[in-house]
Amino acid sequence: MRRVAGIAIVAASLGSVLAAALAWFGPPQRAVATATAPVWTEVAWPFPVDPWGKGKAFRCKAADCGAEVNLYLRAKIGFCDCTTGVADDEALDRMGDLVLVGDVSPLGNGRPVSIAWMKGRSRAYALNARQGKTVISVAFNERCDMIVATAVLGHDRPADTEPSVIEFLNGNTVMRWAEITLGL
């Protein structure tokens, strides 16, 4: 009986301490996931046909990516430097598809990226004709063949969106297309 009474006193004391702690610090906060995963939907190629032909176009709506993102992909067969690939910003500027979206200005230095087994480079640009819009250009190669990706962002924070673009480029949709298009 004494043992039961002792346990009851300890439990009541512990309950009082917990109640005091909750009153002082408030209830525990739960982490709520508010970010949604990007959802990329294939859309029609919006540009006129040029010597590189049509590519693939994808859109991620603002509800899924924080702002609308339009991504354009094209293969450039035999256009890449077979020994160095896309080794620096000058090569990326020259080989990318920025001409599709208009006049741009670099927002800083590019950086090396890996897309599956391929190496390449990524760089952010301001889209001069459209205030607040930015562009991410990514080019990566398999031997002498290259794939270029141009993402037009509906905001001025390309660093926020670049990881999602790189993740999509590394995904099954783009990799299957790349293997077929490059004949791998």
N, C-alpha and C. Protein backbone atom coordinates (compact mmCIF):
# COMPACT_ATOMS: atom_id res chain seq x y z
N MET A 1 0.81 -1.17 0.00
CA MET A 1 0.00 0.00 0.00
C MET A 1 0.87 1.26 0.00
N ARG A 2 1.94 1.23 0.86
CA ARG A 2 2.85 2.37 0.89
C ARG A 2 3.50 2.57 -0.47
N ARG A 3 3.83 1.46 -1.11
CA ARG A 3 4.49 1.54 -2.42
C ARG A 3 3.58 2.20 -3.45
N VAL A 4 2.31 1.85 -3.48
CA VAL A 4 1.34 2.43 -4.40
C VAL A 4 1.19 3.92 -4.12
N ALA A 5 1.12 4.28 -2.85
CA ALA A 5 0.99 5.69 -2.47
C ALA A 5 2.23 6.47 -2.91
N GLY A 6 3.41 5.88 -2.77
CA GLY A 6 4.66 6.54 -3.18
C GLY A 6 4.70 6.76 -4.69
N ILE A 7 4.27 5.75 -5.45
CA ILE A 7 4.24 5.88 -6.91
C ILE A 7 3.25 6.97 -7.32
N ALA A 8 2.10 7.02 -6.66
CA ALA A 8 1.09 8.02 -6.95
C ALA A 8 1.62 9.42 -6.68
N ILE A 9 2.36 9.59 -5.59
CA ILE A 9 2.93 10.90 -5.25
C ILE A 9 3.97 11.31 -6.29
N VAL A 10 4.83 10.37 -6.70
CA VAL A 10 5.85 10.67 -7.72
C VAL A 10 5.18 11.03 -9.04
N ALA A 11 4.16 10.26 -9.42
CA ALA A 11 3.45 10.52 -10.67
C ALA A 11 2.77 11.89 -10.62
N ALA A 12 2.16 12.24 -9.51
CA ALA A 12 1.50 13.53 -9.38
C ALA A 12 2.53 14.66 -9.44
N SER A 13 3.66 14.45 -8.80
CA SER A 13 4.73 15.46 -8.83
C SER A 13 5.25 15.65 -10.24
N LEU A 14 5.48 14.54 -10.94
CA LEU A 14 5.97 14.60 -12.33
C LEU A 14 4.95 15.30 -13.22
N GLY A 15 3.67 14.99 -13.01
CA GLY A 15 2.61 15.65 -13.77
C GLY A 15 2.59 17.14 -13.53
N SER A 16 2.81 17.55 -12.28
CA SER A 16 2.84 18.97 -11.94
C SER A 16 4.01 19.66 -12.63
N VAL A 17 5.16 18.99 -12.63
CA VAL A 17 6.35 19.56 -13.29
C VAL A 17 6.10 19.72 -14.78
N LEU A 18 5.52 18.70 -15.41
CA LEU A 18 5.22 18.78 -16.85
C LEU A 18 4.21 19.88 -17.14
N ALA A 19 3.19 20.00 -16.32
CA ALA A 19 2.19 21.05 -16.51
C ALA A 19 2.83 22.43 -16.38
N ALA A 20 3.73 22.59 -15.42
CA ALA A 20 4.42 23.87 -15.24
C ALA A 20 5.31 24.17 -16.45
N ALA A 21 5.99 23.13 -16.96
CA ALA A 21 6.86 23.32 -18.12
C ALA A 21 6.03 23.73 -19.34
N LEU A 22 4.88 23.09 -19.55
CA LEU A 22 4.02 23.46 -20.67
C LEU A 22 3.50 24.88 -20.53
N ALA A 23 3.16 25.26 -19.31
CA ALA A 23 2.66 26.61 -19.07
C ALA A 23 3.77 27.63 -19.35
N TRP A 24 4.98 27.30 -19.00
CA TRP A 24 6.10 28.22 -19.16
C TRP A 24 6.58 28.29 -20.61
N PHE A 25 6.79 27.12 -21.25
CA PHE A 25 7.37 27.07 -22.60
C PHE A 25 6.33 26.93 -23.71
N GLY A 26 5.11 26.60 -23.38
CA GLY A 26 4.09 26.40 -24.41
C GLY A 26 4.10 24.96 -24.89
N PRO A 27 3.06 24.58 -25.66
CA PRO A 27 2.99 23.21 -26.16
C PRO A 27 4.08 22.96 -27.20
N PRO A 28 4.48 21.69 -27.37
CA PRO A 28 5.51 21.39 -28.37
C PRO A 28 5.01 21.75 -29.76
N GLN A 29 5.89 22.31 -30.57
CA GLN A 29 5.55 22.69 -31.94
C GLN A 29 5.89 21.54 -32.89
N ARG A 30 4.99 21.27 -33.80
CA ARG A 30 5.24 20.24 -34.80
C ARG A 30 5.72 20.89 -36.07
N ALA A 31 6.68 20.26 -36.70
CA ALA A 31 7.15 20.75 -37.99
C ALA A 31 6.07 20.44 -39.03
N VAL A 32 5.73 21.44 -39.81
CA VAL A 32 4.73 21.27 -40.84
C VAL A 32 5.41 21.42 -42.19
N ALA A 33 5.29 20.42 -43.02
CA ALA A 33 5.89 20.50 -44.35
C ALA A 33 5.02 21.39 -45.22
N THR A 34 5.58 22.51 -45.66
CA THR A 34 4.83 23.42 -46.50
C THR A 34 5.33 23.39 -47.95
N ALA A 35 6.54 22.97 -48.15
CA ALA A 35 7.07 22.92 -49.51
C ALA A 35 6.47 21.73 -50.25
N THR A 36 6.16 21.98 -51.51
CA THR A 36 5.64 20.89 -52.33
C THR A 36 6.73 20.48 -53.31
N ALA A 37 6.66 19.25 -53.72
CA ALA A 37 7.64 18.76 -54.68
C ALA A 37 7.31 19.31 -56.06
N PRO A 38 8.33 19.69 -56.82
CA PRO A 38 8.08 20.18 -58.17
C PRO A 38 7.38 19.11 -59.02
N VAL A 39 6.41 19.56 -59.81
CA VAL A 39 5.71 18.68 -60.73
C VAL A 39 5.95 19.24 -62.13
N TRP A 40 6.68 18.49 -62.92
CA TRP A 40 7.03 18.93 -64.27
C TRP A 40 6.08 18.29 -65.27
N THR A 41 5.48 19.12 -66.11
CA THR A 41 4.55 18.67 -67.13
C THR A 41 5.11 19.02 -68.50
N GLU A 42 5.12 18.04 -69.41
CA GLU A 42 5.60 18.33 -70.75
C GLU A 42 4.59 19.19 -71.48
N VAL A 43 5.08 20.21 -72.18
CA VAL A 43 4.26 21.13 -72.96
C VAL A 43 4.84 21.20 -74.38
N ALA A 44 4.12 21.83 -75.28
CA ALA A 44 4.58 21.96 -76.67
C ALA A 44 5.82 22.86 -76.75
N TRP A 45 6.70 22.54 -77.67
CA TRP A 45 7.89 23.36 -77.93
C TRP A 45 7.41 24.71 -78.46
N PRO A 46 7.73 25.83 -77.77
CA PRO A 46 7.15 27.12 -78.15
C PRO A 46 7.95 27.93 -79.17
N PHE A 47 9.09 27.44 -79.62
CA PHE A 47 9.96 28.23 -80.47
C PHE A 47 9.92 27.75 -81.91
N PRO A 48 10.22 28.65 -82.85
CA PRO A 48 10.29 28.22 -84.25
C PRO A 48 11.45 27.23 -84.44
N VAL A 49 11.31 26.36 -85.43
CA VAL A 49 12.36 25.39 -85.72
C VAL A 49 13.57 26.14 -86.27
N ASP A 50 14.76 25.80 -85.76
CA ASP A 50 16.02 26.37 -86.23
C ASP A 50 16.95 25.21 -86.57
N PRO A 51 18.22 25.45 -86.88
CA PRO A 51 19.11 24.34 -87.25
C PRO A 51 19.22 23.23 -86.21
N TRP A 52 18.92 23.52 -84.94
CA TRP A 52 19.00 22.49 -83.90
C TRP A 52 17.70 21.72 -83.75
N GLY A 53 16.66 22.14 -84.44
CA GLY A 53 15.39 21.44 -84.40
C GLY A 53 14.61 21.71 -83.13
N LYS A 54 13.52 20.97 -83.01
CA LYS A 54 12.68 21.09 -81.82
C LYS A 54 13.33 20.35 -80.67
N GLY A 55 13.02 20.81 -79.49
CA GLY A 55 13.48 20.14 -78.29
C GLY A 55 12.29 19.69 -77.47
N LYS A 56 12.52 19.52 -76.20
CA LYS A 56 11.48 19.16 -75.24
C LYS A 56 11.25 20.37 -74.35
N ALA A 57 9.99 20.59 -73.99
CA ALA A 57 9.64 21.71 -73.11
C ALA A 57 8.83 21.17 -71.94
N PHE A 58 9.12 21.70 -70.77
CA PHE A 58 8.42 21.30 -69.54
C PHE A 58 8.06 22.54 -68.74
N ARG A 59 6.99 22.44 -67.98
CA ARG A 59 6.56 23.55 -67.13
C ARG A 59 6.30 23.03 -65.72
N CYS A 60 6.73 23.83 -64.76
CA CYS A 60 6.40 23.58 -63.36
C CYS A 60 5.60 24.80 -62.90
N LYS A 61 4.36 24.57 -62.49
CA LYS A 61 3.47 25.66 -62.09
C LYS A 61 3.95 26.32 -60.80
N ALA A 62 3.53 27.55 -60.62
CA ALA A 62 3.92 28.31 -59.43
C ALA A 62 3.53 27.61 -58.14
N ALA A 63 2.40 26.93 -58.14
CA ALA A 63 1.95 26.22 -56.93
C ALA A 63 2.92 25.11 -56.54
N ASP A 64 3.65 24.56 -57.51
CA ASP A 64 4.57 23.46 -57.24
C ASP A 64 6.02 23.91 -57.11
N CYS A 65 6.38 25.03 -57.74
CA CYS A 65 7.78 25.47 -57.75
C CYS A 65 7.99 26.84 -57.12
N GLY A 66 6.97 27.43 -56.53
CA GLY A 66 7.13 28.74 -55.91
C GLY A 66 6.92 29.89 -56.88
N ALA A 67 7.21 29.67 -58.14
CA ALA A 67 6.96 30.58 -59.26
C ALA A 67 6.99 29.70 -60.50
N GLU A 68 6.35 30.15 -61.56
CA GLU A 68 6.33 29.34 -62.77
C GLU A 68 7.75 29.18 -63.31
N VAL A 69 8.07 27.96 -63.72
CA VAL A 69 9.37 27.66 -64.32
C VAL A 69 9.12 26.94 -65.65
N ASN A 70 9.70 27.47 -66.71
CA ASN A 70 9.63 26.84 -68.03
C ASN A 70 11.02 26.34 -68.38
N LEU A 71 11.11 25.05 -68.71
CA LEU A 71 12.40 24.41 -68.97
C LEU A 71 12.42 23.90 -70.41
N TYR A 72 13.47 24.26 -71.15
CA TYR A 72 13.62 23.87 -72.54
C TYR A 72 14.89 23.05 -72.70
N LEU A 73 14.77 21.88 -73.32
CA LEU A 73 15.90 20.97 -73.51
C LEU A 73 16.14 20.72 -74.99
N ARG A 74 17.40 20.68 -75.38
CA ARG A 74 17.75 20.29 -76.75
C ARG A 74 19.07 19.56 -76.76
N ALA A 75 19.19 18.64 -77.69
CA ALA A 75 20.46 17.96 -77.92
C ALA A 75 21.19 18.70 -79.04
N LYS A 76 22.48 18.80 -78.89
CA LYS A 76 23.32 19.39 -79.93
C LYS A 76 24.39 18.34 -80.26
N ILE A 77 24.09 17.56 -81.27
CA ILE A 77 24.93 16.42 -81.64
C ILE A 77 26.20 16.91 -82.34
N GLY A 78 27.35 16.47 -81.82
CA GLY A 78 28.64 16.80 -82.43
C GLY A 78 29.08 18.23 -82.20
N PHE A 79 28.42 18.96 -81.36
CA PHE A 79 28.71 20.38 -81.18
C PHE A 79 29.65 20.66 -80.01
N CYS A 80 29.85 19.68 -79.15
CA CYS A 80 30.64 19.89 -77.94
C CYS A 80 32.11 19.60 -78.18
N ASP A 81 32.98 20.29 -77.47
CA ASP A 81 34.41 19.99 -77.51
C ASP A 81 34.60 18.60 -76.90
N CYS A 82 35.07 17.66 -77.72
CA CYS A 82 35.15 16.25 -77.32
C CYS A 82 36.14 16.00 -76.18
N THR A 83 37.11 16.87 -75.99
CA THR A 83 38.10 16.63 -74.94
C THR A 83 37.81 17.36 -73.65
N THR A 84 37.31 18.59 -73.73
CA THR A 84 37.09 19.36 -72.50
C THR A 84 35.62 19.47 -72.11
N GLY A 85 34.70 19.20 -73.01
CA GLY A 85 33.28 19.34 -72.70
C GLY A 85 32.91 20.78 -72.45
N VAL A 86 32.04 21.00 -71.49
CA VAL A 86 31.61 22.35 -71.12
C VAL A 86 32.42 22.72 -69.88
N ALA A 87 33.62 23.22 -70.12
CA ALA A 87 34.59 23.37 -69.04
C ALA A 87 34.55 24.72 -68.33
N ASP A 88 34.01 25.76 -68.97
CA ASP A 88 34.03 27.08 -68.34
C ASP A 88 32.81 27.88 -68.76
N ASP A 89 32.67 29.08 -68.18
CA ASP A 89 31.51 29.92 -68.46
C ASP A 89 31.47 30.36 -69.92
N GLU A 90 32.62 30.61 -70.51
CA GLU A 90 32.66 31.01 -71.93
C GLU A 90 32.07 29.91 -72.81
N ALA A 91 32.43 28.67 -72.53
CA ALA A 91 31.88 27.54 -73.30
C ALA A 91 30.38 27.43 -73.08
N LEU A 92 29.92 27.58 -71.86
CA LEU A 92 28.49 27.51 -71.57
C LEU A 92 27.74 28.62 -72.29
N ASP A 93 28.25 29.84 -72.24
CA ASP A 93 27.61 30.97 -72.91
C ASP A 93 27.52 30.72 -74.42
N ARG A 94 28.55 30.16 -74.99
CA ARG A 94 28.61 29.91 -76.43
C ARG A 94 27.69 28.76 -76.84
N MET A 95 27.63 27.71 -76.04
CA MET A 95 26.91 26.50 -76.43
C MET A 95 25.46 26.45 -75.95
N GLY A 96 25.12 27.25 -74.96
CA GLY A 96 23.77 27.21 -74.41
C GLY A 96 22.73 27.73 -75.39
N ASP A 97 21.50 27.69 -74.98
CA ASP A 97 20.38 28.12 -75.83
C ASP A 97 19.78 29.44 -75.35
N LEU A 98 20.59 30.32 -74.82
CA LEU A 98 20.08 31.58 -74.29
C LEU A 98 19.43 32.44 -75.38
N VAL A 99 19.82 32.25 -76.62
CA VAL A 99 19.24 33.00 -77.73
C VAL A 99 17.74 32.75 -77.84
N LEU A 100 17.26 31.63 -77.33
CA LEU A 100 15.82 31.33 -77.37
C LEU A 100 15.01 32.29 -76.51
N VAL A 101 15.58 32.77 -75.42
CA VAL A 101 14.80 33.53 -74.43
C VAL A 101 15.05 35.03 -74.46
N GLY A 102 16.06 35.49 -75.17
CA GLY A 102 16.30 36.93 -75.27
C GLY A 102 17.62 37.37 -74.68
N ASP A 103 17.73 38.66 -74.46
CA ASP A 103 18.95 39.28 -73.97
C ASP A 103 19.11 39.01 -72.48
N VAL A 104 20.29 38.48 -72.11
CA VAL A 104 20.55 38.13 -70.72
C VAL A 104 21.88 38.72 -70.25
N SER A 105 22.01 38.82 -68.94
CA SER A 105 23.27 39.25 -68.32
C SER A 105 23.61 38.26 -67.22
N PRO A 106 24.85 37.79 -67.16
CA PRO A 106 25.23 36.84 -66.10
C PRO A 106 25.06 37.44 -64.72
N LEU A 107 24.62 36.62 -63.79
CA LEU A 107 24.47 37.05 -62.39
C LEU A 107 25.66 36.62 -61.54
N GLY A 108 26.67 36.10 -62.15
CA GLY A 108 27.85 35.64 -61.41
C GLY A 108 28.51 34.53 -62.18
N ASN A 109 29.46 33.90 -61.54
CA ASN A 109 30.17 32.79 -62.18
C ASN A 109 29.30 31.54 -62.17
N GLY A 110 29.53 30.70 -63.16
CA GLY A 110 28.86 29.41 -63.22
C GLY A 110 29.56 28.42 -62.30
N ARG A 111 29.02 27.20 -62.31
CA ARG A 111 29.62 26.16 -61.47
C ARG A 111 29.49 24.82 -62.18
N PRO A 112 30.41 23.91 -61.87
CA PRO A 112 30.32 22.57 -62.47
C PRO A 112 29.12 21.81 -61.92
N VAL A 113 28.51 20.99 -62.77
CA VAL A 113 27.39 20.15 -62.35
C VAL A 113 27.60 18.74 -62.91
N SER A 114 26.93 17.80 -62.28
CA SER A 114 26.90 16.42 -62.77
C SER A 114 25.45 16.07 -63.04
N ILE A 115 25.20 15.62 -64.24
CA ILE A 115 23.88 15.14 -64.63
C ILE A 115 24.08 13.67 -65.00
N ALA A 116 23.60 12.79 -64.14
CA ALA A 116 23.84 11.34 -64.28
C ALA A 116 25.35 11.13 -64.38
N TRP A 117 25.82 10.48 -65.42
CA TRP A 117 27.25 10.21 -65.60
C TRP A 117 27.97 11.33 -66.33
N MET A 118 27.21 12.35 -66.78
CA MET A 118 27.79 13.42 -67.59
C MET A 118 28.20 14.61 -66.73
N LYS A 119 29.19 15.32 -67.20
CA LYS A 119 29.66 16.54 -66.53
C LYS A 119 29.26 17.74 -67.36
N GLY A 120 29.10 18.86 -66.70
CA GLY A 120 28.72 20.07 -67.40
C GLY A 120 28.86 21.29 -66.52
N ARG A 121 28.07 22.30 -66.85
CA ARG A 121 28.17 23.58 -66.14
C ARG A 121 26.79 24.23 -66.07
N SER A 122 26.58 25.00 -65.01
CA SER A 122 25.33 25.74 -64.80
C SER A 122 25.67 27.18 -64.46
N ARG A 123 24.81 28.10 -64.93
CA ARG A 123 25.02 29.52 -64.64
C ARG A 123 23.68 30.25 -64.66
N ALA A 124 23.54 31.23 -63.79
CA ALA A 124 22.31 32.02 -63.71
C ALA A 124 22.50 33.35 -64.43
N TYR A 125 21.39 33.84 -64.99
CA TYR A 125 21.39 35.09 -65.76
C TYR A 125 20.13 35.88 -65.42
N ALA A 126 20.23 37.20 -65.56
CA ALA A 126 19.04 38.06 -65.49
C ALA A 126 18.49 38.17 -66.90
N LEU A 127 17.19 38.07 -67.03
CA LEU A 127 16.54 38.23 -68.33
C LEU A 127 16.24 39.72 -68.47
N ASN A 128 17.04 40.41 -69.28
CA ASN A 128 17.03 41.87 -69.31
C ASN A 128 15.70 42.49 -69.71
N ALA A 129 14.96 41.88 -70.61
CA ALA A 129 13.72 42.48 -71.09
C ALA A 129 12.56 42.31 -70.11
N ARG A 130 12.70 41.42 -69.16
CA ARG A 130 11.60 41.13 -68.24
C ARG A 130 12.07 41.30 -66.80
N GLN A 131 11.65 42.36 -66.17
CA GLN A 131 12.05 42.64 -64.80
C GLN A 131 11.68 41.48 -63.88
N GLY A 132 12.61 41.08 -63.04
CA GLY A 132 12.35 40.07 -62.04
C GLY A 132 12.48 38.64 -62.52
N LYS A 133 12.60 38.42 -63.83
CA LYS A 133 12.73 37.06 -64.33
C LYS A 133 14.21 36.73 -64.50
N THR A 134 14.53 35.50 -64.24
CA THR A 134 15.91 35.03 -64.40
C THR A 134 15.91 33.75 -65.22
N VAL A 135 17.11 33.36 -65.61
CA VAL A 135 17.31 32.17 -66.44
C VAL A 135 18.45 31.36 -65.85
N ILE A 136 18.31 30.05 -65.89
CA ILE A 136 19.40 29.15 -65.55
C ILE A 136 19.75 28.39 -66.82
N SER A 137 21.01 28.44 -67.20
CA SER A 137 21.48 27.69 -68.36
C SER A 137 22.35 26.55 -67.86
N VAL A 138 22.07 25.34 -68.36
CA VAL A 138 22.84 24.15 -67.99
C VAL A 138 23.22 23.44 -69.28
N ALA A 139 24.47 23.08 -69.41
CA ALA A 139 24.91 22.27 -70.55
C ALA A 139 25.77 21.14 -70.01
N PHE A 140 25.55 19.94 -70.54
CA PHE A 140 26.32 18.77 -70.12
C PHE A 140 26.52 17.87 -71.33
N ASN A 141 27.59 17.10 -71.29
CA ASN A 141 27.93 16.36 -72.51
C ASN A 141 28.27 14.90 -72.27
N GLU A 142 28.10 14.15 -73.35
CA GLU A 142 28.52 12.75 -73.48
C GLU A 142 29.43 12.74 -74.70
N ARG A 143 30.73 12.63 -74.46
CA ARG A 143 31.73 12.73 -75.52
C ARG A 143 31.53 14.03 -76.30
N CYS A 144 31.26 13.96 -77.60
CA CYS A 144 31.14 15.16 -78.44
C CYS A 144 29.71 15.68 -78.55
N ASP A 145 28.77 15.00 -77.92
CA ASP A 145 27.37 15.40 -77.97
C ASP A 145 26.97 16.07 -76.66
N MET A 146 26.05 17.01 -76.79
CA MET A 146 25.71 17.83 -75.64
C MET A 146 24.20 17.98 -75.52
N ILE A 147 23.76 18.16 -74.31
CA ILE A 147 22.38 18.54 -74.03
C ILE A 147 22.42 19.88 -73.33
N VAL A 148 21.57 20.79 -73.81
CA VAL A 148 21.47 22.10 -73.17
C VAL A 148 20.08 22.24 -72.58
N ALA A 149 20.02 22.83 -71.41
CA ALA A 149 18.76 23.08 -70.72
C ALA A 149 18.71 24.57 -70.38
N THR A 150 17.57 25.18 -70.67
CA THR A 150 17.37 26.59 -70.37
C THR A 150 16.10 26.71 -69.55
N ALA A 151 16.23 27.16 -68.32
CA ALA A 151 15.08 27.30 -67.42
C ALA A 151 14.79 28.78 -67.23
N VAL A 152 13.57 29.20 -67.60
CA VAL A 152 13.14 30.58 -67.40
C VAL A 152 12.29 30.61 -66.13
N LEU A 153 12.72 31.43 -65.18
CA LEU A 153 12.10 31.47 -63.86
C LEU A 153 11.26 32.74 -63.70
N GLY A 154 10.15 32.61 -63.05
CA GLY A 154 9.27 33.75 -62.81
C GLY A 154 9.64 34.54 -61.58
N HIS A 155 10.90 34.50 -61.18
CA HIS A 155 11.36 35.25 -60.01
C HIS A 155 12.84 35.57 -60.17
N ASP A 156 13.39 36.28 -59.19
CA ASP A 156 14.80 36.70 -59.27
C ASP A 156 15.69 35.95 -58.26
N ARG A 157 15.33 34.68 -57.97
CA ARG A 157 16.10 33.88 -57.02
C ARG A 157 16.50 32.54 -57.65
N PRO A 158 17.37 32.56 -58.65
CA PRO A 158 17.71 31.30 -59.34
C PRO A 158 18.33 30.26 -58.42
N ALA A 159 19.03 30.67 -57.38
CA ALA A 159 19.65 29.70 -56.46
C ALA A 159 18.59 28.88 -55.73
N ASP A 160 17.38 29.43 -55.56
CA ASP A 160 16.31 28.69 -54.91
C ASP A 160 15.77 27.56 -55.80
N THR A 161 15.81 27.77 -57.11
CA THR A 161 15.18 26.84 -58.05
C THR A 161 16.19 25.89 -58.70
N GLU A 162 17.45 26.28 -58.76
CA GLU A 162 18.44 25.45 -59.45
C GLU A 162 18.47 23.99 -58.96
N PRO A 163 18.42 23.72 -57.65
CA PRO A 163 18.43 22.31 -57.22
C PRO A 163 17.28 21.49 -57.81
N SER A 164 16.09 22.08 -57.92
CA SER A 164 14.96 21.37 -58.50
C SER A 164 15.17 21.11 -59.98
N VAL A 165 15.75 22.06 -60.68
CA VAL A 165 16.04 21.88 -62.11
C VAL A 165 17.07 20.77 -62.29
N ILE A 166 18.14 20.80 -61.51
CA ILE A 166 19.18 19.77 -61.61
C ILE A 166 18.61 18.40 -61.26
N GLU A 167 17.76 18.33 -60.25
CA GLU A 167 17.13 17.07 -59.88
C GLU A 167 16.27 16.53 -61.02
N PHE A 168 15.51 17.40 -61.68
CA PHE A 168 14.68 16.96 -62.81
C PHE A 168 15.56 16.49 -63.97
N LEU A 169 16.65 17.21 -64.25
CA LEU A 169 17.55 16.79 -65.33
C LEU A 169 18.17 15.42 -65.03
N ASN A 170 18.36 15.10 -63.78
CA ASN A 170 18.91 13.80 -63.38
C ASN A 170 17.85 12.70 -63.33
N GLY A 171 16.60 13.06 -63.48
CA GLY A 171 15.50 12.10 -63.34
C GLY A 171 15.29 11.22 -64.56
N ASN A 172 14.41 10.25 -64.40
CA ASN A 172 14.14 9.26 -65.46
C ASN A 172 13.61 9.87 -66.74
N THR A 173 12.74 10.87 -66.64
CA THR A 173 12.15 11.47 -67.84
C THR A 173 13.22 12.01 -68.77
N VAL A 174 14.12 12.83 -68.23
CA VAL A 174 15.16 13.45 -69.05
C VAL A 174 16.22 12.42 -69.43
N MET A 175 16.60 11.54 -68.53
CA MET A 175 17.64 10.56 -68.84
C MET A 175 17.21 9.59 -69.94
N ARG A 176 15.95 9.14 -69.92
CA ARG A 176 15.46 8.27 -71.00
C ARG A 176 15.51 9.00 -72.33
N TRP A 177 15.05 10.25 -72.34
CA TRP A 177 15.08 11.06 -73.56
C TRP A 177 16.53 11.27 -74.03
N ALA A 178 17.43 11.56 -73.11
CA ALA A 178 18.84 11.78 -73.46
C ALA A 178 19.46 10.53 -74.07
N GLU A 179 19.19 9.38 -73.47
CA GLU A 179 19.75 8.13 -74.00
C GLU A 179 19.26 7.84 -75.41
N ILE A 180 17.97 8.07 -75.66
CA ILE A 180 17.43 7.84 -77.00
C ILE A 180 17.98 8.86 -77.98
N THR A 181 17.95 10.13 -77.59
CA THR A 181 18.38 11.21 -78.48
C THR A 181 19.87 11.14 -78.80
N LEU A 182 20.69 10.77 -77.82
CA LEU A 182 22.13 10.67 -78.05
C LEU A 182 22.54 9.30 -78.56
N GLY A 183 21.59 8.39 -78.68
CA GLY A 183 21.89 7.05 -79.20
C GLY A 183 22.74 6.21 -78.26
N LEU A 184 22.47 6.31 -76.98
CA LEU A 184 23.30 5.57 -76.01
C LEU A 184 22.69 4.23 -75.67
